[in-house]
Every structure is written in structure tokens, then in C-alpha cells.
N, C-alpha and C. Protein backbone atom coordinates (compact mmCIF):
# COMPACT_ATOMS: atom_id res chain seq x y z
N MET A 1 16.25 -20.45 -98.74
CA MET A 1 16.67 -20.02 -97.41
C MET A 1 16.94 -18.44 -97.30
N ILE A 2 17.59 -17.88 -98.13
CA ILE A 2 17.93 -16.50 -98.12
C ILE A 2 16.66 -15.62 -98.22
N ARG A 3 15.66 -16.24 -99.17
CA ARG A 3 14.47 -15.62 -99.41
C ARG A 3 13.53 -15.61 -98.00
N ALA A 4 13.64 -16.72 -97.29
CA ALA A 4 12.88 -16.94 -96.06
C ALA A 4 13.45 -15.86 -95.08
N ARG A 5 14.82 -15.61 -94.96
CA ARG A 5 15.31 -14.76 -93.96
C ARG A 5 15.01 -13.33 -94.37
N VAL A 6 14.96 -12.95 -95.67
CA VAL A 6 14.55 -11.74 -96.14
C VAL A 6 13.11 -11.37 -95.71
N LEU A 7 12.30 -12.41 -95.88
CA LEU A 7 10.91 -12.26 -95.56
C LEU A 7 10.72 -12.14 -94.03
N ALA A 8 11.56 -12.81 -93.30
CA ALA A 8 11.40 -12.69 -91.75
C ALA A 8 11.92 -11.40 -91.28
N ALA A 9 12.96 -10.86 -91.80
CA ALA A 9 13.51 -9.65 -91.60
C ALA A 9 12.46 -8.53 -91.86
N ALA A 10 11.86 -8.59 -93.07
CA ALA A 10 10.86 -7.55 -93.51
C ALA A 10 9.69 -7.63 -92.49
N ALA A 11 9.28 -8.87 -92.16
CA ALA A 11 8.03 -8.99 -91.12
C ALA A 11 8.39 -8.42 -89.84
N ALA A 12 9.55 -8.62 -89.29
CA ALA A 12 10.19 -8.02 -88.03
C ALA A 12 10.06 -6.64 -88.16
N ALA A 13 10.57 -6.00 -89.19
CA ALA A 13 10.66 -4.56 -89.31
C ALA A 13 9.30 -4.00 -89.41
N LEU A 14 8.24 -4.56 -90.14
CA LEU A 14 6.93 -4.10 -89.88
C LEU A 14 6.47 -4.07 -88.58
N VAL A 15 6.48 -5.31 -87.75
CA VAL A 15 6.06 -5.50 -86.43
C VAL A 15 6.67 -4.40 -85.60
N LEU A 16 8.01 -4.10 -85.71
CA LEU A 16 8.57 -3.15 -84.65
C LEU A 16 8.24 -1.81 -85.22
N ALA A 17 7.93 -1.44 -86.41
CA ALA A 17 7.64 -0.17 -86.85
C ALA A 17 6.34 0.27 -86.04
N GLY A 18 5.42 -0.37 -85.56
CA GLY A 18 4.44 -0.02 -84.82
C GLY A 18 4.64 0.37 -83.43
N CYS A 19 5.80 -0.13 -83.01
CA CYS A 19 6.29 0.33 -81.56
C CYS A 19 7.17 1.50 -81.50
N VAL A 20 7.69 1.98 -82.54
CA VAL A 20 8.48 3.22 -82.69
C VAL A 20 7.62 4.50 -83.02
N PRO A 21 7.46 5.35 -82.07
CA PRO A 21 6.45 6.59 -82.22
C PRO A 21 6.98 7.52 -83.16
N ALA A 22 6.14 7.98 -83.92
CA ALA A 22 6.53 9.14 -84.93
C ALA A 22 6.41 10.32 -84.18
N GLU A 23 7.22 11.36 -84.54
CA GLU A 23 7.28 12.59 -83.93
C GLU A 23 5.94 13.24 -84.03
N VAL A 24 5.59 13.83 -82.86
CA VAL A 24 4.12 14.32 -82.81
C VAL A 24 4.20 15.81 -82.21
N ARG A 25 3.29 16.63 -82.68
CA ARG A 25 3.24 18.09 -82.04
C ARG A 25 1.93 18.05 -81.39
N LEU A 26 2.01 18.22 -79.96
CA LEU A 26 0.83 18.27 -79.12
C LEU A 26 0.27 19.67 -79.07
N THR A 27 -1.03 19.84 -79.01
CA THR A 27 -1.57 21.16 -78.74
C THR A 27 -2.06 21.26 -77.41
N GLN A 28 -2.32 22.42 -76.87
CA GLN A 28 -2.91 22.61 -75.65
C GLN A 28 -4.46 22.48 -75.81
N ASP A 29 -4.97 22.89 -76.92
CA ASP A 29 -6.52 22.69 -76.95
C ASP A 29 -6.86 21.11 -77.16
N GLY A 30 -5.94 20.28 -77.77
CA GLY A 30 -6.20 18.95 -77.78
C GLY A 30 -6.04 18.30 -76.42
N MET A 31 -5.14 18.74 -75.65
CA MET A 31 -5.04 18.26 -74.21
C MET A 31 -6.10 18.60 -73.37
N ARG A 32 -6.56 19.99 -73.45
CA ARG A 32 -7.52 20.55 -72.70
C ARG A 32 -8.91 19.61 -72.91
N ALA A 33 -9.13 19.18 -74.06
CA ALA A 33 -10.33 18.42 -74.40
C ALA A 33 -10.41 17.20 -73.51
N HIS A 34 -9.12 16.67 -73.12
CA HIS A 34 -9.15 15.40 -72.49
C HIS A 34 -8.68 15.42 -71.03
N ALA A 35 -8.73 16.75 -70.45
CA ALA A 35 -7.97 16.91 -69.14
C ALA A 35 -9.00 16.38 -68.01
N GLU A 36 -10.23 16.44 -68.29
CA GLU A 36 -11.36 15.79 -67.38
C GLU A 36 -11.09 16.12 -65.86
N THR A 37 -10.99 17.32 -65.48
CA THR A 37 -10.72 17.63 -64.22
C THR A 37 -12.07 18.30 -63.68
N ARG A 38 -13.14 17.49 -63.31
CA ARG A 38 -14.39 17.93 -62.86
C ARG A 38 -14.42 17.73 -61.38
N LEU A 39 -14.20 18.83 -60.72
CA LEU A 39 -14.27 18.65 -59.30
C LEU A 39 -15.31 19.68 -58.61
N ASP A 40 -15.65 19.22 -57.49
CA ASP A 40 -16.67 20.08 -56.76
C ASP A 40 -16.07 21.32 -56.29
N ALA A 41 -16.62 22.38 -56.05
CA ALA A 41 -16.07 23.70 -55.59
C ALA A 41 -15.41 23.45 -54.32
N PRO A 42 -14.24 23.95 -54.10
CA PRO A 42 -13.37 23.88 -52.83
C PRO A 42 -14.21 24.32 -51.63
N ALA A 43 -13.89 23.68 -50.48
CA ALA A 43 -14.57 23.98 -49.24
C ALA A 43 -14.24 25.42 -48.75
N CYS A 44 -12.99 25.91 -49.22
CA CYS A 44 -12.53 27.29 -48.65
C CYS A 44 -11.76 27.90 -50.03
N ALA A 45 -11.36 29.08 -49.70
CA ALA A 45 -10.69 29.86 -50.81
C ALA A 45 -9.18 29.31 -50.89
N ILE A 46 -9.01 28.70 -52.16
CA ILE A 46 -7.66 28.21 -52.25
C ILE A 46 -6.98 29.09 -53.39
N ALA A 47 -5.68 29.36 -53.19
CA ALA A 47 -4.84 30.00 -54.17
C ALA A 47 -3.66 29.32 -54.78
N LEU A 48 -3.42 29.38 -55.97
CA LEU A 48 -2.16 28.99 -56.50
C LEU A 48 -1.16 30.22 -56.20
N ALA A 49 -0.43 30.08 -55.15
CA ALA A 49 0.54 31.15 -54.68
C ALA A 49 1.66 31.26 -55.68
N SER A 50 2.23 30.21 -56.00
CA SER A 50 3.37 30.16 -56.84
C SER A 50 3.35 28.94 -57.78
N PHE A 51 3.99 29.06 -58.94
CA PHE A 51 4.09 27.90 -59.85
C PHE A 51 5.43 28.01 -60.60
N GLU A 52 6.23 27.04 -60.69
CA GLU A 52 7.65 27.02 -61.25
C GLU A 52 7.76 25.79 -62.12
N ASP A 53 8.44 26.08 -63.21
CA ASP A 53 8.81 24.93 -64.12
C ASP A 53 10.28 24.56 -63.83
N ALA A 54 10.58 23.55 -63.31
CA ALA A 54 11.78 23.14 -62.85
C ALA A 54 12.27 21.97 -63.57
N ARG A 55 11.70 21.68 -64.77
CA ARG A 55 12.21 20.54 -65.79
C ARG A 55 13.58 21.02 -66.35
N PRO A 56 14.48 20.05 -66.69
CA PRO A 56 15.62 20.27 -67.22
C PRO A 56 15.53 21.40 -68.45
N ARG A 57 16.39 22.32 -68.36
CA ARG A 57 16.31 23.31 -69.42
C ARG A 57 16.37 22.84 -70.91
N GLY A 58 15.81 23.33 -71.93
CA GLY A 58 15.80 22.84 -73.25
C GLY A 58 14.73 21.86 -73.46
N GLU A 59 14.16 21.17 -72.40
CA GLU A 59 13.06 20.14 -72.57
C GLU A 59 11.88 20.89 -72.69
N GLN A 60 11.27 20.59 -73.91
CA GLN A 60 9.79 21.19 -73.98
C GLN A 60 8.80 20.30 -73.40
N ALA A 61 8.61 19.11 -73.69
CA ALA A 61 7.77 18.29 -72.98
C ALA A 61 8.47 16.52 -73.24
N PHE A 62 8.60 16.30 -74.39
CA PHE A 62 9.08 14.84 -74.57
C PHE A 62 10.20 14.95 -75.62
N THR A 63 11.41 15.25 -75.23
CA THR A 63 12.55 15.36 -76.11
C THR A 63 12.69 14.37 -77.06
N GLY A 64 12.83 14.62 -78.22
CA GLY A 64 13.05 13.66 -79.33
C GLY A 64 11.72 12.78 -79.84
N TRP A 65 10.61 12.96 -79.28
CA TRP A 65 9.48 12.22 -79.68
C TRP A 65 8.31 13.27 -79.85
N ALA A 66 8.08 14.15 -79.08
CA ALA A 66 6.93 15.04 -79.09
C ALA A 66 7.14 16.48 -78.72
N THR A 67 6.70 17.43 -79.44
CA THR A 67 6.88 18.81 -79.03
C THR A 67 5.58 19.33 -78.51
N LEU A 68 5.80 20.21 -77.57
CA LEU A 68 4.68 21.03 -77.04
C LEU A 68 5.09 22.35 -76.52
N GLU A 69 4.68 23.37 -76.98
CA GLU A 69 5.13 24.59 -76.36
C GLU A 69 4.22 25.04 -75.14
N ASP A 70 5.00 25.43 -74.05
CA ASP A 70 4.43 25.98 -72.85
C ASP A 70 3.70 24.76 -72.23
N PHE A 71 4.13 23.55 -71.98
CA PHE A 71 3.56 22.64 -71.23
C PHE A 71 3.32 23.08 -69.83
N ALA A 72 4.14 23.88 -69.24
CA ALA A 72 4.18 24.40 -67.86
C ALA A 72 2.98 25.31 -67.91
N GLY A 73 2.68 26.04 -68.85
CA GLY A 73 1.46 26.93 -68.94
C GLY A 73 0.18 26.17 -68.87
N PHE A 74 0.28 25.00 -69.58
CA PHE A 74 -0.84 24.17 -69.62
C PHE A 74 -1.22 23.59 -68.08
N VAL A 75 -0.23 23.09 -67.46
CA VAL A 75 -0.29 22.62 -66.02
C VAL A 75 -0.85 23.60 -65.12
N ARG A 76 -0.33 24.95 -65.24
CA ARG A 76 -0.68 25.91 -64.38
C ARG A 76 -2.16 26.20 -64.65
N GLU A 77 -2.59 26.39 -65.94
CA GLU A 77 -3.80 26.62 -66.39
C GLU A 77 -4.91 25.61 -65.65
N GLN A 78 -4.49 24.30 -65.73
CA GLN A 78 -5.21 23.22 -65.09
C GLN A 78 -5.41 23.25 -63.67
N LEU A 79 -4.35 23.76 -62.97
CA LEU A 79 -4.27 23.89 -61.52
C LEU A 79 -5.47 25.06 -61.14
N VAL A 80 -5.35 26.19 -61.69
CA VAL A 80 -6.16 27.18 -61.48
C VAL A 80 -7.63 26.94 -61.82
N SER A 81 -7.86 26.28 -62.93
CA SER A 81 -9.23 25.91 -63.33
C SER A 81 -9.66 24.80 -62.35
N SER A 82 -8.94 24.08 -61.62
CA SER A 82 -9.50 23.00 -60.54
C SER A 82 -10.00 23.60 -59.44
N GLY A 83 -9.79 24.85 -59.17
CA GLY A 83 -10.33 25.47 -58.00
C GLY A 83 -9.17 26.22 -57.13
N LEU A 84 -8.05 26.29 -57.76
CA LEU A 84 -6.92 26.96 -56.95
C LEU A 84 -6.88 28.45 -57.68
N ASP A 85 -8.03 29.13 -57.58
CA ASP A 85 -8.26 30.45 -58.32
C ASP A 85 -8.53 31.71 -57.50
N ALA A 86 -8.53 31.47 -56.15
CA ALA A 86 -8.70 32.62 -55.12
C ALA A 86 -7.55 33.63 -55.28
N PRO A 87 -7.80 34.85 -55.08
CA PRO A 87 -6.65 35.74 -55.07
C PRO A 87 -5.90 35.43 -53.79
N VAL A 88 -4.41 35.42 -53.91
CA VAL A 88 -3.64 35.12 -52.84
C VAL A 88 -3.89 35.81 -51.54
N GLU A 89 -4.14 37.09 -51.76
CA GLU A 89 -4.50 37.90 -50.28
C GLU A 89 -5.68 37.54 -49.75
N ALA A 90 -6.75 36.82 -50.38
CA ALA A 90 -7.97 36.57 -49.87
C ALA A 90 -7.90 35.04 -49.51
N ALA A 91 -6.98 34.22 -49.79
CA ALA A 91 -7.06 32.76 -49.87
C ALA A 91 -6.98 32.30 -48.47
N ASP A 92 -7.69 31.33 -48.10
CA ASP A 92 -7.59 30.50 -46.67
C ASP A 92 -6.45 29.46 -46.91
N VAL A 93 -6.20 28.93 -48.06
CA VAL A 93 -5.06 27.98 -48.20
C VAL A 93 -4.13 28.51 -49.55
N ARG A 94 -2.98 28.45 -49.34
CA ARG A 94 -2.10 28.81 -50.58
C ARG A 94 -1.24 27.70 -50.89
N VAL A 95 -1.23 27.36 -52.15
CA VAL A 95 -0.55 26.13 -52.67
C VAL A 95 0.75 26.72 -53.54
N ASP A 96 1.98 26.12 -53.30
CA ASP A 96 3.03 26.26 -54.13
C ASP A 96 3.35 25.08 -54.79
N ALA A 97 3.46 25.21 -56.11
CA ALA A 97 3.63 23.86 -57.00
C ALA A 97 4.79 24.10 -57.96
N THR A 98 5.59 23.14 -58.07
CA THR A 98 6.70 22.91 -58.96
C THR A 98 6.51 21.89 -59.86
N LEU A 99 6.51 22.12 -61.23
CA LEU A 99 6.53 20.96 -62.15
C LEU A 99 7.98 20.35 -62.40
N MET A 100 8.22 19.16 -61.93
CA MET A 100 9.44 18.69 -61.90
C MET A 100 9.93 17.91 -63.23
N LEU A 101 8.82 17.01 -63.71
CA LEU A 101 9.30 16.23 -64.79
C LEU A 101 7.89 15.99 -65.66
N ALA A 102 7.95 15.65 -66.96
CA ALA A 102 6.96 15.10 -67.71
C ALA A 102 7.66 14.35 -68.79
N TRP A 103 7.19 12.90 -68.94
CA TRP A 103 7.85 12.26 -70.01
C TRP A 103 6.96 11.08 -70.28
N PHE A 104 7.15 10.48 -71.55
CA PHE A 104 6.44 9.33 -71.97
C PHE A 104 7.43 8.10 -71.84
N ASP A 105 7.12 7.04 -71.42
CA ASP A 105 7.83 5.91 -70.97
C ASP A 105 7.46 4.69 -72.00
N PHE A 106 8.26 4.21 -72.83
CA PHE A 106 7.70 3.22 -73.87
C PHE A 106 8.29 1.84 -73.45
N HIS A 107 7.41 0.80 -73.31
CA HIS A 107 7.84 -0.52 -73.15
C HIS A 107 7.30 -1.35 -74.23
N THR A 108 7.59 -2.60 -74.06
CA THR A 108 7.17 -3.60 -75.23
C THR A 108 5.69 -3.31 -75.60
N THR A 109 4.77 -3.33 -74.65
CA THR A 109 3.47 -3.49 -75.06
C THR A 109 2.64 -2.10 -74.55
N THR A 110 3.30 -1.48 -73.54
CA THR A 110 2.64 -0.31 -73.02
C THR A 110 3.34 1.12 -73.30
N ARG A 111 2.56 2.01 -73.16
CA ARG A 111 3.08 3.55 -73.25
C ARG A 111 2.52 4.19 -72.14
N ARG A 112 3.37 4.87 -71.46
CA ARG A 112 2.97 5.55 -70.14
C ARG A 112 3.40 7.10 -70.24
N LEU A 113 2.56 7.89 -69.80
CA LEU A 113 2.93 9.34 -69.64
C LEU A 113 2.96 9.59 -68.18
N HIS A 114 3.78 10.40 -67.75
CA HIS A 114 4.10 10.67 -66.40
C HIS A 114 4.10 12.18 -66.30
N VAL A 115 3.46 12.77 -65.17
CA VAL A 115 3.73 14.19 -64.89
C VAL A 115 3.99 14.09 -63.44
N VAL A 116 5.06 14.87 -63.01
CA VAL A 116 5.49 14.92 -61.57
C VAL A 116 5.68 16.23 -61.10
N MET A 117 5.00 16.48 -59.96
CA MET A 117 5.11 18.01 -59.26
C MET A 117 5.52 17.76 -57.89
N ARG A 118 6.02 18.89 -57.36
CA ARG A 118 6.37 18.97 -55.98
C ARG A 118 5.34 20.06 -55.40
N VAL A 119 4.64 19.77 -54.46
CA VAL A 119 3.66 20.66 -53.96
C VAL A 119 3.71 20.75 -52.52
N GLY A 120 3.54 22.25 -52.09
CA GLY A 120 3.67 22.56 -50.65
C GLY A 120 2.27 23.29 -50.39
N VAL A 121 1.64 22.88 -49.30
CA VAL A 121 0.36 23.76 -49.02
C VAL A 121 0.64 24.45 -47.79
N ASP A 122 0.31 25.72 -47.68
CA ASP A 122 0.49 26.75 -46.53
C ASP A 122 1.86 26.54 -46.00
N GLY A 123 2.79 26.51 -46.74
CA GLY A 123 4.18 26.64 -46.30
C GLY A 123 4.63 25.29 -45.59
N GLY A 124 3.78 24.18 -45.62
CA GLY A 124 4.20 22.93 -45.09
C GLY A 124 5.22 22.30 -45.99
N ALA A 125 5.75 21.10 -45.52
CA ALA A 125 6.74 20.29 -46.28
C ALA A 125 6.20 19.98 -47.66
N PRO A 126 7.06 20.05 -48.55
CA PRO A 126 6.50 19.57 -50.11
C PRO A 126 6.35 18.24 -50.19
N VAL A 127 5.46 17.73 -50.89
CA VAL A 127 4.95 16.54 -51.20
C VAL A 127 5.19 16.15 -52.77
N VAL A 128 5.44 15.12 -53.21
CA VAL A 128 5.55 14.77 -54.55
C VAL A 128 4.31 14.06 -54.97
N VAL A 129 3.79 14.79 -56.09
CA VAL A 129 2.55 14.34 -56.66
C VAL A 129 2.87 13.96 -58.11
N ARG A 130 2.17 12.68 -58.37
CA ARG A 130 2.32 12.01 -59.68
C ARG A 130 1.01 11.88 -60.42
N GLY A 131 1.00 11.96 -61.71
CA GLY A 131 -0.06 11.69 -62.56
C GLY A 131 0.35 10.80 -63.66
N SER A 132 -0.41 9.64 -63.99
CA SER A 132 0.02 8.82 -65.03
C SER A 132 -1.23 8.59 -66.03
N SER A 133 -0.92 8.16 -67.19
CA SER A 133 -1.79 7.55 -68.08
C SER A 133 -1.10 6.49 -68.80
N VAL A 134 -1.78 5.35 -68.99
CA VAL A 134 -1.29 4.13 -69.61
C VAL A 134 -2.11 3.67 -70.81
N GLY A 135 -1.34 3.38 -71.89
CA GLY A 135 -1.95 3.08 -72.93
C GLY A 135 -1.28 1.89 -73.95
N ILE A 136 -1.73 1.52 -74.83
CA ILE A 136 -1.06 0.29 -75.64
C ILE A 136 0.00 1.10 -76.35
N ASN A 137 1.20 0.43 -76.60
CA ASN A 137 2.29 1.12 -77.37
C ASN A 137 2.21 0.66 -78.74
N TRP A 138 1.82 1.55 -79.54
CA TRP A 138 1.78 1.36 -80.95
C TRP A 138 1.88 2.80 -81.52
N ASN A 139 2.07 2.91 -82.80
CA ASN A 139 2.20 4.22 -83.49
C ASN A 139 0.83 4.80 -83.66
N GLY A 140 0.47 5.51 -82.56
CA GLY A 140 -0.79 6.12 -82.55
C GLY A 140 -0.94 7.47 -83.17
N SER A 141 -2.04 8.10 -82.90
CA SER A 141 -2.35 9.41 -83.37
C SER A 141 -1.99 10.65 -82.47
N GLN A 142 -1.94 11.91 -83.04
CA GLN A 142 -1.59 12.93 -82.08
C GLN A 142 -2.80 12.95 -80.94
N GLU A 143 -4.14 12.63 -81.42
CA GLU A 143 -5.18 12.91 -80.42
C GLU A 143 -4.97 11.80 -79.27
N GLU A 144 -4.60 10.62 -79.63
CA GLU A 144 -4.19 9.76 -78.46
C GLU A 144 -3.11 10.22 -77.55
N SER A 145 -2.21 10.81 -78.12
CA SER A 145 -1.14 11.41 -77.31
C SER A 145 -1.55 12.62 -76.40
N GLU A 146 -2.32 13.40 -77.02
CA GLU A 146 -3.12 14.55 -76.31
C GLU A 146 -3.95 14.10 -75.26
N ARG A 147 -4.79 12.98 -75.47
CA ARG A 147 -5.45 12.31 -74.44
C ARG A 147 -4.68 11.70 -73.37
N ALA A 148 -3.72 11.07 -73.61
CA ALA A 148 -2.72 10.67 -72.48
C ALA A 148 -2.27 11.72 -71.60
N MET A 149 -1.79 12.87 -72.33
CA MET A 149 -1.14 13.91 -71.70
C MET A 149 -2.25 14.63 -70.82
N GLY A 150 -3.40 14.87 -71.18
CA GLY A 150 -4.51 15.54 -70.61
C GLY A 150 -4.80 14.67 -69.27
N ARG A 151 -4.98 13.51 -69.44
CA ARG A 151 -5.40 12.50 -68.46
C ARG A 151 -4.34 12.37 -67.38
N ALA A 152 -3.13 12.24 -67.58
CA ALA A 152 -1.94 12.30 -66.62
C ALA A 152 -1.89 13.66 -65.96
N THR A 153 -2.11 14.81 -66.58
CA THR A 153 -2.07 16.00 -66.02
C THR A 153 -3.25 16.14 -65.08
N ALA A 154 -4.40 15.83 -65.43
CA ALA A 154 -5.71 15.73 -64.73
C ALA A 154 -5.48 14.92 -63.34
N GLU A 155 -4.84 13.91 -63.45
CA GLU A 155 -4.71 12.92 -62.29
C GLU A 155 -3.73 13.67 -61.36
N ALA A 156 -2.73 14.22 -61.70
CA ALA A 156 -1.85 14.97 -60.88
C ALA A 156 -2.64 16.09 -60.22
N VAL A 157 -3.23 16.90 -61.02
CA VAL A 157 -4.14 18.11 -60.59
C VAL A 157 -5.15 17.74 -59.57
N ARG A 158 -5.74 16.54 -59.70
CA ARG A 158 -6.64 16.01 -58.68
C ARG A 158 -6.00 15.73 -57.25
N GLU A 159 -4.69 15.18 -57.39
CA GLU A 159 -4.03 14.98 -56.23
C GLU A 159 -3.80 16.33 -55.49
N VAL A 160 -3.32 17.30 -56.32
CA VAL A 160 -3.14 18.53 -55.81
C VAL A 160 -4.14 19.20 -55.04
N ARG A 161 -5.31 19.17 -55.73
CA ARG A 161 -6.53 19.60 -55.18
C ARG A 161 -6.89 19.02 -53.81
N ALA A 162 -6.79 17.77 -53.73
CA ALA A 162 -7.15 16.82 -52.55
C ALA A 162 -6.31 17.24 -51.43
N LEU A 163 -4.90 17.47 -51.74
CA LEU A 163 -4.20 18.17 -50.62
C LEU A 163 -4.56 19.43 -50.15
N ALA A 164 -4.95 20.52 -51.04
CA ALA A 164 -5.34 21.54 -50.87
C ALA A 164 -6.73 21.52 -49.94
N ASP A 165 -7.70 20.79 -50.38
CA ASP A 165 -9.03 20.61 -49.70
C ASP A 165 -8.84 19.87 -48.28
N ALA A 166 -7.94 19.18 -48.12
CA ALA A 166 -7.60 18.69 -46.80
C ALA A 166 -7.11 19.71 -45.75
N ALA A 167 -6.48 20.70 -46.46
CA ALA A 167 -6.03 21.89 -45.61
C ALA A 167 -7.13 22.86 -45.24
N CYS A 168 -8.23 22.80 -45.81
CA CYS A 168 -9.28 23.62 -45.61
C CYS A 168 -9.93 23.44 -44.36
N GLY A 169 -9.74 22.33 -43.71
CA GLY A 169 -10.19 22.05 -42.23
C GLY A 169 -11.52 21.64 -42.30
């Protein structure tokens, strides 16, 4: 009886160990490889007029689970490379973006990454833009986490670009 309980507890611990992520150090190069933001050239000159990181202070990217230096720099780079690269003075459309949040969400069977930005186009009312990536919740590799981060960021960047393109007229 006691032996059966010990074996059951050990089996449960092994099963649950797959659901608890190990600490991961994410790299910008790894995320860049999975960002997949292939967009046509914009219909007009679009500039990223301002970019702000408004996430809670002290948060790198995913407190307590993964570390990433300068995630805001990565997001800004992705926005500019998506076509928001015109000089501000020569732009037909100006975009102001604020990185609000970025986090992993763990559930029983799924792991989701979320990137949330507030975006204003040509001084208009700000709009909330979100990007997400969903995967199976298990103790995966650094590359899987970088892939999720790159895809979620790319999804949010595509939404920002769609807002900017719509303003081109």
C-alpha cells in the first residue's frame, strides 16, 4: 500500500515536471529567425515617430521564467523592418507605438505568449494591438520559446502595419 502511494507520487511528479518551465535565456538572434514579418512595401512613406517601453519597471520580458535583454529594442527593430522606416520629416503617415505588456501564460495543456502594444496613427486615438503564439505546455527548448516570442511579435507588428497602411489612403 505504501509502496503504491510512493510510486504514484513519483509518477505524478514526473508528469508535472514536464509542465513546469525551466528558466530560459532568450536571444534576439533566435527570435529574429522566427519573426516571419514578410510584408509588401507600404503604399506610402510610413515612419515610426515614437516608441516607448511602458512595461512595469524591472520586468525584462518574463519575470521568473525567461530573461531577455532589450525586448523593447527587438520590438522596435521589428516595427522598423516591417516598413515603418521612412524619415519622420518625409513621412506621409506617422506611427506612435507603446509596448505595454509581454508575457507567457501557462495552462494545463497550452502555453501562450502575448505581446500588447498601444498604437496611434497620425495623432489619432490609440488602439490596442495584440500578438499571440500558442503551443503545447511542456518543458521545451530555448528555440521553441524564441519561436513563440518571434511569432507573437510578428503578429502584433503585422497589425500595426495594417493600421498604418489603412492610413495611406
